[in-house]
Amino acid sequence: MTPVSSRAWATRTTDLSQPSMAAHTKVNLAPGFVLHRRPYRDTSLLIEAFCPEHGRVGLVARGAGSGRSRRAALLQPFSPLLLSWSGRGELATLSGVEADGAPITLSGGTLYSGFYLNELLTRLLQRHDPHPQLFAVYRLALQQLAGGDDAEWALRLFERELLQELGYGLMLLEDAQGTAIDPERAYCYHLEHGPLPRFNEGQRCLRIDGRSLLALAGRGCEADRRDAAVLSDCKRLMRAALRLYLGEKPLASRELFRRSPFAGGGQRENEE
C-alpha cells in the first residue's frame, strides 16, 4: 500500500479526563474496519472504527503507538478486523484485535478514494448508530476499488447508499410530481424537492438527464455506467447532495488527492 497518511482528517479531540455517566459496555470480536487512526500521548492510538452492529466507535488502543506493537500493524485502514473493547462514554478501551481476512489492497488513485469513503463515514455517521447494510456496502465498495473496475461508479453507489441510510435518500425514479422519470428528458433537480420535469437555460438549479437519474437508481443499462455524460451528471448530483450535510468544511481526502501525483490522471474521483 502506498504510504499516504490519513492523519490530515482527524476527528475532533475528545477529553479522556471527563467522566461519563453512560453504562459500561463490553464487546467481543465485533467485525469492523479502521476508518482513521492517530497518535495519542506517547504510546497509544486513537481509533475511529466502523462496525455493522455498533456503527462508528471511538477506541483507545493503549500501547499501540510504540514501534514494536503488533496491534499497530493490524490497526490499518481497509483491513477487515475483529475488535474487542470495553468502557463507557464516547471512547472505550481496545482490549483485543484480530485479522478477519486478508487486507483489501488499495494503491494509486484508489487509495485516495478509500480515504474519501472513510472520511465520509467519519464525518456523517453518529457514534454507536448501527448500520449493518451500509457496512456491507462499504466493504463491497472497497473490493470494487481494489479490483480497479468501474471505480468511479463504485463511489457514486456508495454515496447513494450512505445518503439513503442516513435518511436523506434522493428521488431517482420519480419526479417531484410523482411521475416516472423519462430517460429522454432533462430535469431541474432541487435537493429539497427532487427533480422537476422542466429545465430552461439560465435556471438556478442542477440540470440532470433522466437517464442519469435512472442509472444512479440502478435502472440504467450497463453502458450508462461508462458514459462520460452520465458519470458527470451523477457526480455533480452526489457532490451537491453531500455538501448539504457535510457543511462548508472541505474534505481533507480531496486535498490529499489534489496534491498527489495521481490528480492529473484517470483517477479523478476526489476532485470537485
C-alpha atoms as a PDB file:
ATOM      1  CA  MET A   1       0.000   0.000   0.000  1.00  0.00           C
ATOM      2  CA  THR A   2       1.289   3.460  -0.835  1.00  0.00           C
ATOM      3  CA  PRO A   3       2.455   5.209   2.360  1.00  0.00           C
ATOM      4  CA  VAL A   4      -0.035   8.078   2.492  1.00  0.00           C
ATOM      5  CA  SER A   5      -1.147   9.384   5.870  1.00  0.00           C
ATOM      6  CA  SER A   6      -4.813   9.962   6.678  1.00  0.00           C
ATOM      7  CA  ARG A   7      -3.961  11.997   9.776  1.00  0.00           C
ATOM      8  CA  ALA A   8      -4.984  15.204   7.983  1.00  0.00           C
ATOM      9  CA  TRP A   9      -8.658  14.500   8.631  1.00  0.00           C
ATOM     10  CA  ALA A  10      -8.572  13.693  12.316  1.00  0.00           C
ATOM     11  CA  THR A  11     -11.896  13.892  14.093  1.00  0.00           C
ATOM     12  CA  ARG A  12     -12.456  16.225  16.991  1.00  0.00           C
ATOM     13  CA  THR A  13     -10.319  15.684  20.054  1.00  0.00           C
ATOM     14  CA  THR A  14     -12.101  14.055  22.967  1.00  0.00           C
ATOM     15  CA  ASP A  15     -11.041  14.858  26.513  1.00  0.00           C
ATOM     16  CA  LEU A  16     -10.457  11.483  28.135  1.00  0.00           C
ATOM     17  CA  SER A  17     -10.330  13.075  31.569  1.00  0.00           C
ATOM     18  CA  GLN A  18     -14.041  13.940  31.534  1.00  0.00           C
ATOM     19  CA  PRO A  19     -16.184  11.420  33.434  1.00  0.00           C
ATOM     20  CA  SER A  20     -19.216   9.849  31.793  1.00  0.00           C
ATOM     21  CA  MET A  21     -22.442   8.528  33.280  1.00  0.00           C
ATOM     22  CA  ALA A  22     -23.011   6.151  30.338  1.00  0.00           C
ATOM     23  CA  ALA A  23     -23.397   2.449  31.053  1.00  0.00           C
ATOM     24  CA  HIS A  24     -20.320   0.259  30.860  1.00  0.00           C
ATOM     25  CA  THR A  25     -20.038  -1.630  27.577  1.00  0.00           C
ATOM     26  CA  LYS A  26     -18.075  -4.772  26.748  1.00  0.00           C
ATOM     27  CA  VAL A  27     -17.885  -6.060  23.175  1.00  0.00           C
ATOM     28  CA  ASN A  28     -16.024  -9.142  21.969  1.00  0.00           C
ATOM     29  CA  LEU A  29     -14.830  -9.892  18.430  1.00  0.00           C
ATOM     30  CA  ALA A  30     -17.009  -7.442  16.533  1.00  0.00           C
ATOM     31  CA  PRO A  31     -16.297  -7.293  12.779  1.00  0.00           C
ATOM     32  CA  GLY A  32     -15.053  -3.890  11.765  1.00  0.00           C
ATOM     33  CA  PHE A  33     -12.729  -1.612   9.819  1.00  0.00           C
ATOM     34  CA  VAL A  34     -10.463   1.180  10.990  1.00  0.00           C
ATOM     35  CA  LEU A  35     -11.629   4.460   9.460  1.00  0.00           C
ATOM     36  CA  HIS A  36      -8.925   6.616  10.979  1.00  0.00           C
ATOM     37  CA  ARG A  37      -6.074   6.433  13.486  1.00  0.00           C
ATOM     38  CA  ARG A  38      -3.811   8.980  15.083  1.00  0.00           C
ATOM     39  CA  PRO A  39      -1.260   9.066  17.898  1.00  0.00           C
ATOM     40  CA  TYR A  40      -2.411   9.712  21.440  1.00  0.00           C
ATOM     41  CA  ARG A  41       0.020  10.656  24.174  1.00  0.00           C
ATOM     42  CA  ASP A  42       3.322   8.760  23.940  1.00  0.00           C
ATOM     43  CA  THR A  43       2.460   5.155  23.144  1.00  0.00           C
ATOM     44  CA  SER A  44      -1.241   4.935  22.306  1.00  0.00           C
ATOM     45  CA  LEU A  45      -3.516   5.440  19.307  1.00  0.00           C
ATOM     46  CA  LEU A  46      -6.970   6.956  18.956  1.00  0.00           C
ATOM     47  CA  ILE A  47      -9.029   4.829  16.591  1.00  0.00           C
ATOM     48  CA  GLU A  48     -12.232   5.571  14.722  1.00  0.00           C
ATOM     49  CA  ALA A  49     -13.720   2.221  13.718  1.00  0.00           C
ATOM     50  CA  PHE A  50     -16.843   1.177  11.832  1.00  0.00           C
ATOM     51  CA  CYS A  51     -18.721  -1.969  12.860  1.00  0.00           C
ATOM     52  CA  PRO A  52     -22.029  -3.238  11.451  1.00  0.00           C
ATOM     53  CA  GLU A  53     -23.818  -3.678  14.796  1.00  0.00           C
ATOM     54  CA  HIS A  54     -22.156  -0.822  16.676  1.00  0.00           C
ATOM     55  CA  GLY A  55     -21.724   1.840  13.998  1.00  0.00           C
ATOM     56  CA  ARG A  56     -18.883   4.317  14.358  1.00  0.00           C
ATOM     57  CA  VAL A  57     -16.987   3.767  17.586  1.00  0.00           C
ATOM     58  CA  GLY A  58     -14.081   5.591  19.191  1.00  0.00           C
ATOM     59  CA  LEU A  59     -11.379   3.413  20.739  1.00  0.00           C
ATOM     60  CA  VAL A  60      -8.161   3.989  22.640  1.00  0.00           C
ATOM     61  CA  ALA A  61      -5.510   1.425  21.676  1.00  0.00           C
ATOM     62  CA  ARG A  62      -3.154   1.668  24.628  1.00  0.00           C
ATOM     63  CA  GLY A  63       0.463   0.857  23.825  1.00  0.00           C
ATOM     64  CA  ALA A  64      -0.294   0.511  20.099  1.00  0.00           C
ATOM     65  CA  GLY A  65       1.701   3.633  19.272  1.00  0.00           C
ATOM     66  CA  SER A  66       5.014   2.042  20.155  1.00  0.00           C
ATOM     67  CA  GLY A  67       7.173   0.842  17.309  1.00  0.00           C
ATOM     68  CA  ARG A  68       7.114  -2.802  18.440  1.00  0.00           C
ATOM     69  CA  SER A  69       3.336  -3.109  18.836  1.00  0.00           C
ATOM     70  CA  ARG A  70       1.637  -5.956  16.974  1.00  0.00           C
ATOM     71  CA  ARG A  71      -1.660  -4.088  17.322  1.00  0.00           C
ATOM     72  CA  ALA A  72      -0.334  -1.125  15.362  1.00  0.00           C
ATOM     73  CA  ALA A  73       0.413  -3.390  12.405  1.00  0.00           C
ATOM     74  CA  LEU A  74      -3.136  -4.759  12.482  1.00  0.00           C
ATOM     75  CA  LEU A  75      -4.947  -1.455  13.050  1.00  0.00           C
ATOM     76  CA  GLN A  76      -4.719  -0.247   9.460  1.00  0.00           C
ATOM     77  CA  PRO A  77      -7.468   1.122   7.196  1.00  0.00           C
ATOM     78  CA  PHE A  78      -9.066  -1.289   4.712  1.00  0.00           C
ATOM     79  CA  SER A  79      -8.159  -4.403   6.750  1.00  0.00           C
ATOM     80  CA  PRO A  80     -11.123  -6.496   7.963  1.00  0.00           C
ATOM     81  CA  LEU A  81     -10.748  -6.956  11.709  1.00  0.00           C
ATOM     82  CA  LEU A  82     -12.360  -8.479  14.778  1.00  0.00           C
ATOM     83  CA  LEU A  83     -12.366  -5.841  17.513  1.00  0.00           C
ATOM     84  CA  SER A  84     -12.948  -6.191  21.250  1.00  0.00           C
ATOM     85  CA  TRP A  85     -13.371  -3.281  23.652  1.00  0.00           C
ATOM     86  CA  SER A  86     -14.799  -2.184  26.960  1.00  0.00           C
ATOM     87  CA  GLY A  87     -15.584   1.112  28.639  1.00  0.00           C
ATOM     88  CA  ARG A  88     -18.190   3.811  28.817  1.00  0.00           C
ATOM     89  CA  GLY A  89     -18.963   7.080  27.050  1.00  0.00           C
ATOM     90  CA  GLU A  90     -17.600   8.367  23.757  1.00  0.00           C
ATOM     91  CA  LEU A  91     -14.337   6.424  23.912  1.00  0.00           C
ATOM     92  CA  ALA A  92     -13.747   2.845  25.003  1.00  0.00           C
ATOM     93  CA  THR A  93     -10.527   0.937  25.536  1.00  0.00           C
ATOM     94  CA  LEU A  94      -9.500  -1.549  22.866  1.00  0.00           C
ATOM     95  CA  SER A  95      -8.895  -4.904  24.534  1.00  0.00           C
ATOM     96  CA  GLY A  96      -8.203  -7.073  21.504  1.00  0.00           C
ATOM     97  CA  VAL A  97      -7.806  -7.076  17.739  1.00  0.00           C
ATOM     98  CA  GLU A  98      -7.541  -9.933  15.262  1.00  0.00           C
ATOM     99  CA  ALA A  99      -7.378 -10.096  11.478  1.00  0.00           C
ATOM    100  CA  ASP A 100     -10.669 -11.183   9.881  1.00  0.00           C
ATOM    101  CA  GLY A 101      -9.306 -11.937   6.438  1.00  0.00           C
ATOM    102  CA  ALA A 102      -6.738 -10.513   4.070  1.00  0.00           C
ATOM    103  CA  PRO A 103      -6.349  -6.722   3.850  1.00  0.00           C
ATOM    104  CA  ILE A 104      -8.079  -5.053   0.900  1.00  0.00           C
ATOM    105  CA  THR A 105      -5.169  -3.590  -1.036  1.00  0.00           C
ATOM    106  CA  LEU A 106      -5.698  -0.126  -2.494  1.00  0.00           C
ATOM    107  CA  SER A 107      -2.980   1.697  -4.401  1.00  0.00           C
ATOM    108  CA  GLY A 108      -2.551   4.724  -6.616  1.00  0.00           C
ATOM    109  CA  GLY A 109      -5.667   6.818  -7.055  1.00  0.00           C
ATOM    110  CA  THR A 110      -7.912   4.195  -5.467  1.00  0.00           C
ATOM    111  CA  LEU A 111      -6.081   4.600  -2.159  1.00  0.00           C
ATOM    112  CA  TYR A 112      -7.270   8.212  -2.015  1.00  0.00           C
ATOM    113  CA  SER A 113     -10.758   7.057  -2.960  1.00  0.00           C
ATOM    114  CA  GLY A 114     -10.665   4.720   0.034  1.00  0.00           C
ATOM    115  CA  PHE A 115      -9.647   7.608   2.290  1.00  0.00           C
ATOM    116  CA  TYR A 116     -12.571   9.563   0.818  1.00  0.00           C
ATOM    117  CA  LEU A 117     -15.051   6.836   1.804  1.00  0.00           C
ATOM    118  CA  ASN A 118     -13.564   6.676   5.293  1.00  0.00           C
ATOM    119  CA  GLU A 119     -13.815  10.417   5.733  1.00  0.00           C
ATOM    120  CA  LEU A 120     -17.454  10.455   4.647  1.00  0.00           C
ATOM    121  CA  LEU A 121     -18.273   7.832   7.259  1.00  0.00           C
ATOM    122  CA  THR A 122     -16.287   9.650   9.946  1.00  0.00           C
ATOM    123  CA  ARG A 123     -17.942  12.978   9.203  1.00  0.00           C
ATOM    124  CA  LEU A 124     -21.528  11.835   8.669  1.00  0.00           C
ATOM    125  CA  LEU A 125     -22.173   8.848  10.950  1.00  0.00           C
ATOM    126  CA  GLN A 126     -23.247   9.346  14.530  1.00  0.00           C
ATOM    127  CA  ARG A 127     -21.420   7.364  17.186  1.00  0.00           C
ATOM    128  CA  HIS A 128     -22.927   3.990  18.175  1.00  0.00           C
ATOM    129  CA  ASP A 129     -25.619   4.048  15.463  1.00  0.00           C
ATOM    130  CA  PRO A 130     -25.732   0.550  13.854  1.00  0.00           C
ATOM    131  CA  HIS A 131     -25.626   0.354  10.049  1.00  0.00           C
ATOM    132  CA  PRO A 132     -25.249  -3.311   9.010  1.00  0.00           C
ATOM    133  CA  GLN A 133     -26.415  -2.695   5.429  1.00  0.00           C
ATOM    134  CA  LEU A 134     -24.085   0.269   4.996  1.00  0.00           C
ATOM    135  CA  PHE A 135     -21.203  -1.799   6.380  1.00  0.00           C
ATOM    136  CA  ALA A 136     -21.801  -4.381   3.644  1.00  0.00           C
ATOM    137  CA  VAL A 137     -21.973  -1.635   1.003  1.00  0.00           C
ATOM    138  CA  TYR A 138     -18.726  -0.126   2.315  1.00  0.00           C
ATOM    139  CA  ARG A 139     -16.915  -3.456   2.169  1.00  0.00           C
ATOM    140  CA  LEU A 140     -18.172  -4.071  -1.361  1.00  0.00           C
ATOM    141  CA  ALA A 141     -17.050  -0.589  -2.445  1.00  0.00           C
ATOM    142  CA  LEU A 142     -13.540  -1.264  -1.128  1.00  0.00           C
ATOM    143  CA  GLN A 143     -13.423  -4.555  -3.010  1.00  0.00           C
ATOM    144  CA  GLN A 144     -14.569  -2.860  -6.208  1.00  0.00           C
ATOM    145  CA  LEU A 145     -11.933  -0.155  -5.805  1.00  0.00           C
ATOM    146  CA  ALA A 146      -9.287  -2.823  -5.272  1.00  0.00           C
ATOM    147  CA  GLY A 147     -10.483  -4.623  -8.396  1.00  0.00           C
ATOM    148  CA  GLY A 148      -9.961  -1.465 -10.439  1.00  0.00           C
ATOM    149  CA  ASP A 149     -13.171  -1.887 -12.431  1.00  0.00           C
ATOM    150  CA  ASP A 150     -15.690   0.986 -12.504  1.00  0.00           C
ATOM    151  CA  ALA A 151     -14.022   2.694  -9.551  1.00  0.00           C
ATOM    152  CA  GLU A 152     -15.886   5.963 -10.075  1.00  0.00           C
ATOM    153  CA  TRP A 153     -19.220   4.190 -10.290  1.00  0.00           C
ATOM    154  CA  ALA A 154     -18.440   2.311  -7.068  1.00  0.00           C
ATOM    155  CA  LEU A 155     -18.045   5.682  -5.323  1.00  0.00           C
ATOM    156  CA  ARG A 156     -21.336   7.014  -6.655  1.00  0.00           C
ATOM    157  CA  LEU A 157     -23.248   3.934  -5.495  1.00  0.00           C
ATOM    158  CA  PHE A 158     -21.660   4.139  -2.052  1.00  0.00           C
ATOM    159  CA  GLU A 159     -22.610   7.819  -1.779  1.00  0.00           C
ATOM    160  CA  ARG A 160     -26.175   6.987  -2.792  1.00  0.00           C
ATOM    161  CA  GLU A 161     -26.464   4.249  -0.165  1.00  0.00           C
ATOM    162  CA  LEU A 162     -24.860   6.417   2.512  1.00  0.00           C
ATOM    163  CA  LEU A 163     -27.450   9.157   2.000  1.00  0.00           C
ATOM    164  CA  GLN A 164     -30.238   6.569   1.977  1.00  0.00           C
ATOM    165  CA  GLU A 165     -29.029   5.064   5.276  1.00  0.00           C
ATOM    166  CA  LEU A 166     -28.885   8.495   6.872  1.00  0.00           C
ATOM    167  CA  GLY A 167     -32.475   9.207   5.847  1.00  0.00           C
ATOM    168  CA  TYR A 168     -31.559  11.652   3.074  1.00  0.00           C
ATOM    169  CA  GLY A 169     -32.199   9.405   0.082  1.00  0.00           C
ATOM    170  CA  LEU A 170     -32.548  11.064  -3.308  1.00  0.00           C
ATOM    171  CA  MET A 171     -35.596  10.852  -5.568  1.00  0.00           C
ATOM    172  CA  LEU A 172     -34.324   8.992  -8.623  1.00  0.00           C
ATOM    173  CA  LEU A 173     -37.248   7.017 -10.072  1.00  0.00           C
ATOM    174  CA  GLU A 174     -39.995   9.664  -9.960  1.00  0.00           C
ATOM    175  CA  ASP A 175     -40.058  13.409 -10.321  1.00  0.00           C
ATOM    176  CA  ALA A 176     -41.325  15.744  -7.606  1.00  0.00           C
ATOM    177  CA  GLN A 177     -44.864  15.391  -9.009  1.00  0.00           C
ATOM    178  CA  GLY A 178     -44.859  11.587  -8.776  1.00  0.00           C
ATOM    179  CA  THR A 179     -44.385  10.895 -12.493  1.00  0.00           C
ATOM    180  CA  ALA A 180     -41.924   8.216 -13.601  1.00  0.00           C
ATOM    181  CA  ILE A 181     -38.564   9.572 -14.767  1.00  0.00           C
ATOM    182  CA  ASP A 182     -38.268   9.813 -18.545  1.00  0.00           C
ATOM    183  CA  PRO A 183     -34.752   8.806 -19.712  1.00  0.00           C
ATOM    184  CA  GLU A 184     -35.045  11.151 -22.705  1.00  0.00           C
ATOM    185  CA  ARG A 185     -35.859  14.231 -20.663  1.00  0.00           C
ATOM    186  CA  ALA A 186     -33.726  16.834 -18.866  1.00  0.00           C
ATOM    187  CA  TYR A 187     -34.705  17.670 -15.293  1.00  0.00           C
ATOM    188  CA  CYS A 188     -34.126  20.543 -12.911  1.00  0.00           C
ATOM    189  CA  TYR A 189     -33.057  18.864  -9.667  1.00  0.00           C
ATOM    190  CA  HIS A 190     -33.904  20.661  -6.426  1.00  0.00           C
ATOM    191  CA  LEU A 191     -32.302  18.874  -3.479  1.00  0.00           C
ATOM    192  CA  GLU A 192     -35.171  19.758  -1.145  1.00  0.00           C
ATOM    193  CA  HIS A 193     -37.938  18.613  -3.503  1.00  0.00           C
ATOM    194  CA  GLY A 194     -36.455  16.295  -6.120  1.00  0.00           C
ATOM    195  CA  PRO A 195     -36.356  16.504  -9.923  1.00  0.00           C
ATOM    196  CA  LEU A 196     -38.772  18.832 -11.679  1.00  0.00           C
ATOM    197  CA  PRO A 197     -39.807  17.923 -15.241  1.00  0.00           C
ATOM    198  CA  ARG A 198     -38.777  21.197 -16.794  1.00  0.00           C
ATOM    199  CA  PHE A 199     -35.439  22.770 -17.447  1.00  0.00           C
ATOM    200  CA  ASN A 200     -34.703  26.068 -19.110  1.00  0.00           C
ATOM    201  CA  GLU A 201     -31.279  27.535 -19.724  1.00  0.00           C
ATOM    202  CA  GLY A 202     -30.485  30.111 -17.053  1.00  0.00           C
ATOM    203  CA  GLN A 203     -32.450  28.376 -14.281  1.00  0.00           C
ATOM    204  CA  ARG A 204     -30.689  28.273 -10.934  1.00  0.00           C
ATOM    205  CA  CYS A 205     -30.848  24.544 -10.349  1.00  0.00           C
ATOM    206  CA  LEU A 206     -28.942  21.367 -11.071  1.00  0.00           C
ATOM    207  CA  ARG A 207     -29.573  20.146 -14.599  1.00  0.00           C
ATOM    208  CA  ILE A 208     -29.516  16.371 -14.897  1.00  0.00           C
ATOM    209  CA  ASP A 209     -30.720  13.983 -17.589  1.00  0.00           C
ATOM    210  CA  GLY A 210     -33.381  11.405 -16.839  1.00  0.00           C
ATOM    211  CA  ARG A 211     -31.168   8.535 -17.940  1.00  0.00           C
ATOM    212  CA  SER A 212     -28.546   9.630 -15.406  1.00  0.00           C
ATOM    213  CA  LEU A 213     -31.113   9.514 -12.592  1.00  0.00           C
ATOM    214  CA  LEU A 214     -32.221   6.043 -13.669  1.00  0.00           C
ATOM    215  CA  ALA A 215     -28.619   4.845 -13.923  1.00  0.00           C
ATOM    216  CA  LEU A 216     -27.900   6.053 -10.384  1.00  0.00           C
ATOM    217  CA  ALA A 217     -31.043   4.249  -9.212  1.00  0.00           C
ATOM    218  CA  GLY A 218     -29.765   1.035 -10.784  1.00  0.00           C
ATOM    219  CA  ARG A 219     -32.301   1.055 -13.623  1.00  0.00           C
ATOM    220  CA  GLY A 220     -29.969   2.048 -16.460  1.00  0.00           C
ATOM    221  CA  CYS A 221     -28.132  -0.183 -18.898  1.00  0.00           C
ATOM    222  CA  GLU A 222     -24.558  -1.371 -18.425  1.00  0.00           C
ATOM    223  CA  ALA A 223     -23.265   1.124 -20.984  1.00  0.00           C
ATOM    224  CA  ASP A 224     -24.559   4.049 -18.903  1.00  0.00           C
ATOM    225  CA  ARG A 225     -22.039   3.261 -16.159  1.00  0.00           C
ATOM    226  CA  ARG A 226     -19.224   4.107 -18.555  1.00  0.00           C
ATOM    227  CA  ASP A 227     -20.886   7.029 -20.310  1.00  0.00           C
ATOM    228  CA  ALA A 228     -18.992  10.263 -19.568  1.00  0.00           C
ATOM    229  CA  ALA A 229     -22.148  12.416 -19.523  1.00  0.00           C
ATOM    230  CA  VAL A 230     -23.946  10.076 -17.104  1.00  0.00           C
ATOM    231  CA  LEU A 231     -20.912   9.872 -14.820  1.00  0.00           C
ATOM    232  CA  SER A 232     -20.595  13.660 -14.805  1.00  0.00           C
ATOM    233  CA  ASP A 233     -24.305  14.124 -14.005  1.00  0.00           C
ATOM    234  CA  CYS A 234     -24.196  11.625 -11.150  1.00  0.00           C
ATOM    235  CA  LYS A 235     -21.020  13.090  -9.708  1.00  0.00           C
ATOM    236  CA  ARG A 236     -22.441  16.637  -9.692  1.00  0.00           C
ATOM    237  CA  LEU A 237     -25.670  15.468  -8.090  1.00  0.00           C
ATOM    238  CA  MET A 238     -23.968  13.462  -5.351  1.00  0.00           C
ATOM    239  CA  ARG A 239     -21.485  16.247  -4.587  1.00  0.00           C
ATOM    240  CA  ALA A 240     -24.308  18.768  -4.246  1.00  0.00           C
ATOM    241  CA  ALA A 241     -26.343  16.444  -2.018  1.00  0.00           C
ATOM    242  CA  LEU A 242     -23.422  15.574   0.254  1.00  0.00           C
ATOM    243  CA  ARG A 243     -22.467  19.236   0.600  1.00  0.00           C
ATOM    244  CA  LEU A 244     -25.796  19.870   2.361  1.00  0.00           C
ATOM    245  CA  TYR A 245     -24.799  17.570   5.201  1.00  0.00           C
ATOM    246  CA  LEU A 246     -21.019  17.941   5.239  1.00  0.00           C
ATOM    247  CA  GLY A 247     -21.208  21.712   5.591  1.00  0.00           C
ATOM    248  CA  GLU A 248     -18.568  24.141   4.409  1.00  0.00           C
ATOM    249  CA  LYS A 249     -15.535  22.368   5.848  1.00  0.00           C
ATOM    250  CA  PRO A 250     -13.595  20.863   2.901  1.00  0.00           C
ATOM    251  CA  LEU A 251     -12.893  17.150   2.738  1.00  0.00           C
ATOM    252  CA  ALA A 252      -9.234  16.659   3.569  1.00  0.00           C
ATOM    253  CA  SER A 253      -9.086  13.467   1.481  1.00  0.00           C
ATOM    254  CA  ARG A 254      -9.769  15.546  -1.636  1.00  0.00           C
ATOM    255  CA  GLU A 255      -6.937  17.901  -0.746  1.00  0.00           C
ATOM    256  CA  LEU A 256      -4.620  14.924  -0.282  1.00  0.00           C
ATOM    257  CA  PHE A 257      -5.658  13.664  -3.705  1.00  0.00           C
ATOM    258  CA  ARG A 258      -5.132  17.032  -5.388  1.00  0.00           C
ATOM    259  CA  ARG A 259      -1.580  17.158  -4.072  1.00  0.00           C
ATOM    260  CA  SER A 260      -0.869  13.593  -5.167  1.00  0.00           C
ATOM    261  CA  PRO A 261       0.849  12.508  -8.406  1.00  0.00           C
ATOM    262  CA  PHE A 262      -2.433  10.857  -9.455  1.00  0.00           C
ATOM    263  CA  ALA A 263      -4.521  14.043  -9.607  1.00  0.00           C
ATOM    264  CA  GLY A 264      -3.883  14.638 -13.287  1.00  0.00           C
ATOM    265  CA  GLY A 265      -4.525  11.086 -14.403  1.00  0.00           C
ATOM    266  CA  GLY A 266      -7.526   8.866 -14.848  1.00  0.00           C
ATOM    267  CA  GLN A 267      -8.457   8.603 -11.164  1.00  0.00           C
ATOM    268  CA  ARG A 268     -10.353  11.873 -10.598  1.00  0.00           C
ATOM    269  CA  GLU A 269     -12.967  10.734  -8.120  1.00  0.00           C
ATOM    270  CA  ASN A 270     -11.977  13.091  -5.341  1.00  0.00           C
ATOM    271  CA  GLU A 271     -11.785  16.279  -7.351  1.00  0.00           C
ATOM    272  CA  GLU A 272     -14.532  18.878  -7.381  1.00  0.00           C
END
